[in-house]
Structures are given as structure tokens and as C-alpha cells.
């Protein structure tokens, strides 16, 4: 991105840097608080390998967004692109967001199903006792 041209209106506007900083800070809050809430295994796809949380995390930042890591990363990308005045970065940020939205079409149902399956198995185990 360093070699991409900066747009003069991005660089000249006195509002861009504070807005970019706000986006970057907000993005980092979402990403870091997600990692804190999920822990190591929850952050790095533990549920895909059968390592499930005791309960689905619903507190902050998951009460703000169902995908705070994706949203936070996107805000970081956008904030950085605006800070350096790179329209190519803004365009790529849009493409990344589209990919995240597409990934969520598969991820959300998968995650819901593995937790639902665990609950069904727990219910069956209770009935057997």
C-alpha cells in the first residue's frame, strides 16, 4: 500500500485523521476484547476442532456485533487506509468486508449447529440418567 498514490482530498481534510484514528481505535477495541472474551482456543477456531466454550459468548463485544473480530479488523483496515490517504486501501477494505460477509454465511450456521449438537448430546445424556 505504501507505493499506492494518496488522494489529495484525504490528505488535505482536517477531519480525516481524527476519523481514521477513531475507526482504528474502535476496531482495536473490538478485536482485542473479542480475543479476551473468547480466550486462546475460542479466538483461534477451537470450535472447529471440537473445543467449545462452556456457553456461547454473548457479552461485550458480542452484544455489539455478532462478528466483532471481522468488524474490528475491517475498521482497522479502513482507518489505516484513511490515515495514509490511500483510496486503494479503502477499496481493498470494501473487498475484505465482502469476503467476511460471505464467510459468515458459512461460519454462523456452522457454529450454531455445533453448539446445538452439543446441547442435544447433553440433553440425551441427562435423559439416560
Protein backbone atom coordinates (compact mmCIF):
# COMPACT_ATOMS: atom_id res chain seq x y z
CA UNK A 1 0.00 0.00 0.00
CA UNK A 2 2.93 2.35 0.57
CA UNK A 3 3.52 2.62 -3.16
CA UNK A 4 -0.09 3.50 -3.92
CA UNK A 5 -0.85 7.17 -4.52
CA UNK A 6 -2.51 9.15 -1.76
CA UNK A 7 -5.64 11.08 -2.65
CA UNK A 8 -5.21 14.83 -2.10
CA UNK A 9 -8.64 15.30 -0.51
CA UNK A 10 -7.88 12.54 2.01
CA UNK A 11 -4.61 14.19 2.94
CA UNK A 12 -5.91 17.78 2.96
CA UNK A 13 -9.07 17.25 5.02
CA UNK A 14 -8.62 18.12 8.69
CA UNK A 15 -11.35 15.64 9.62
CA UNK A 16 -9.80 12.55 8.05
CA UNK A 17 -7.04 11.91 10.63
CA UNK A 18 -9.33 12.13 13.70
CA UNK A 19 -11.94 9.97 11.97
CA UNK A 20 -9.28 7.46 10.91
CA UNK A 21 -7.92 7.37 14.45
CA UNK A 22 -11.41 6.79 15.84
CA UNK A 23 -12.01 3.92 13.39
CA UNK A 24 -8.65 2.36 14.23
CA UNK A 25 -9.20 2.66 17.99
CA UNK A 26 -12.73 1.26 17.75
CA UNK A 27 -11.51 -1.61 15.58
CA UNK A 28 -8.78 -2.48 18.06
CA UNK A 29 -11.22 -2.39 20.97
CA UNK A 30 -13.49 -4.84 19.14
CA UNK A 31 -10.66 -7.18 18.13
CA UNK A 32 -8.84 -7.19 21.47
CA UNK A 33 -11.98 -7.50 23.58
CA UNK A 34 -13.13 -10.39 21.35
CA UNK A 35 -9.85 -12.16 21.94
CA UNK A 36 -10.18 -11.55 25.67
CA UNK A 37 -13.76 -12.85 25.77
CA UNK A 38 -13.01 -15.95 23.69
CA UNK A 39 -9.61 -16.84 25.06
CA UNK A 40 -6.92 -18.55 23.03
CA UNK A 41 -8.88 -21.54 21.78
CA UNK A 42 -12.04 -19.56 21.07
CA UNK A 43 -10.06 -16.98 19.13
CA UNK A 44 -8.18 -19.46 17.00
CA UNK A 45 -11.04 -21.66 15.78
CA UNK A 46 -11.11 -24.07 18.71
CA UNK A 47 -14.77 -24.77 17.96
CA UNK A 48 -13.79 -26.14 14.56
CA UNK A 49 -11.72 -28.75 16.37
CA UNK A 50 -14.33 -29.60 18.97
CA UNK A 51 -13.04 -27.29 21.72
CA UNK A 52 -16.22 -25.44 22.63
CA UNK A 53 -16.80 -22.69 25.13
CA UNK A 54 -18.96 -23.58 28.13
CA UNK A 55 -21.58 -21.21 26.76
CA UNK A 56 -21.86 -19.09 23.65
CA UNK A 57 -20.27 -15.72 24.42
CA UNK A 58 -22.94 -13.01 24.40
CA UNK A 59 -21.30 -10.23 26.43
CA UNK A 60 -19.24 -7.36 25.08
CA UNK A 61 -18.25 -7.12 22.25
CA UNK A 62 -20.60 -9.83 21.00
CA UNK A 63 -23.57 -7.84 22.25
CA UNK A 64 -22.49 -5.03 19.89
CA UNK A 65 -21.77 -7.19 16.84
CA UNK A 66 -22.11 -10.88 16.09
CA UNK A 67 -18.72 -10.70 14.37
CA UNK A 68 -16.60 -8.22 16.33
CA UNK A 69 -13.28 -9.56 15.05
CA UNK A 70 -14.30 -9.18 11.44
CA UNK A 71 -15.87 -5.80 12.05
CA UNK A 72 -12.91 -4.64 14.12
CA UNK A 73 -10.40 -5.77 11.52
CA UNK A 74 -12.36 -4.01 8.80
CA UNK A 75 -12.43 -0.80 10.86
CA UNK A 76 -8.67 -1.12 11.37
CA UNK A 77 -8.09 -1.51 7.64
CA UNK A 78 -10.35 1.42 6.83
CA UNK A 79 -8.81 3.63 9.50
CA UNK A 80 -5.30 2.88 8.29
CA UNK A 81 -6.26 3.49 4.66
CA UNK A 82 -7.81 6.84 5.51
CA UNK A 83 -4.93 7.85 7.79
CA UNK A 84 -2.48 7.41 4.93
CA UNK A 85 -4.94 8.72 2.33
CA UNK A 86 -4.91 5.60 0.18
CA UNK A 87 -8.04 5.09 -1.95
CA UNK A 88 -6.73 1.66 -2.96
CA UNK A 89 -6.78 0.72 0.73
CA UNK A 90 -10.37 1.89 1.05
CA UNK A 91 -11.32 -0.24 -1.97
CA UNK A 92 -9.49 -3.26 -0.60
CA UNK A 93 -11.17 -2.75 2.77
CA UNK A 94 -14.52 -2.98 0.99
CA UNK A 95 -13.45 -6.21 -0.70
CA UNK A 96 -12.27 -7.67 2.61
CA UNK A 97 -15.64 -6.81 4.20
CA UNK A 98 -17.45 -8.56 1.35
CA UNK A 99 -15.30 -11.67 1.93
CA UNK A 100 -16.05 -11.54 5.67
CA UNK A 101 -19.79 -11.31 4.98
CA UNK A 102 -19.54 -14.30 2.64
CA UNK A 103 -17.52 -16.26 5.20
CA UNK A 104 -20.17 -15.55 7.84
CA UNK A 105 -22.81 -17.14 5.60
CA UNK A 106 -20.98 -20.42 6.29
CA UNK A 107 -19.47 -19.75 9.71
CA UNK A 108 -22.57 -18.64 11.58
CA UNK A 109 -24.70 -21.70 10.68
CA UNK A 110 -21.74 -24.00 11.35
CA UNK A 111 -21.11 -22.50 14.79
CA UNK A 112 -24.80 -22.56 15.65
CA UNK A 113 -25.02 -26.22 14.65
CA UNK A 114 -22.02 -27.42 16.65
CA UNK A 115 -23.35 -25.76 19.80
CA UNK A 116 -26.87 -27.09 19.12
CA UNK A 117 -25.40 -30.57 18.61
CA UNK A 118 -23.60 -30.36 21.93
CA UNK A 119 -26.83 -29.32 23.66
CA UNK A 120 -28.70 -32.23 22.05
CA UNK A 121 -25.99 -34.60 23.27
CA UNK A 122 -26.18 -33.13 26.78
CA UNK A 123 -29.96 -33.49 26.80
CA UNK A 124 -29.69 -37.12 25.69
CA UNK A 125 -27.11 -37.83 28.40
CA UNK A 126 -29.45 -36.35 31.03
CA UNK A 127 -32.35 -38.49 29.79
CA UNK A 128 -30.24 -41.65 30.08
CA UNK A 129 -29.51 -40.94 33.75
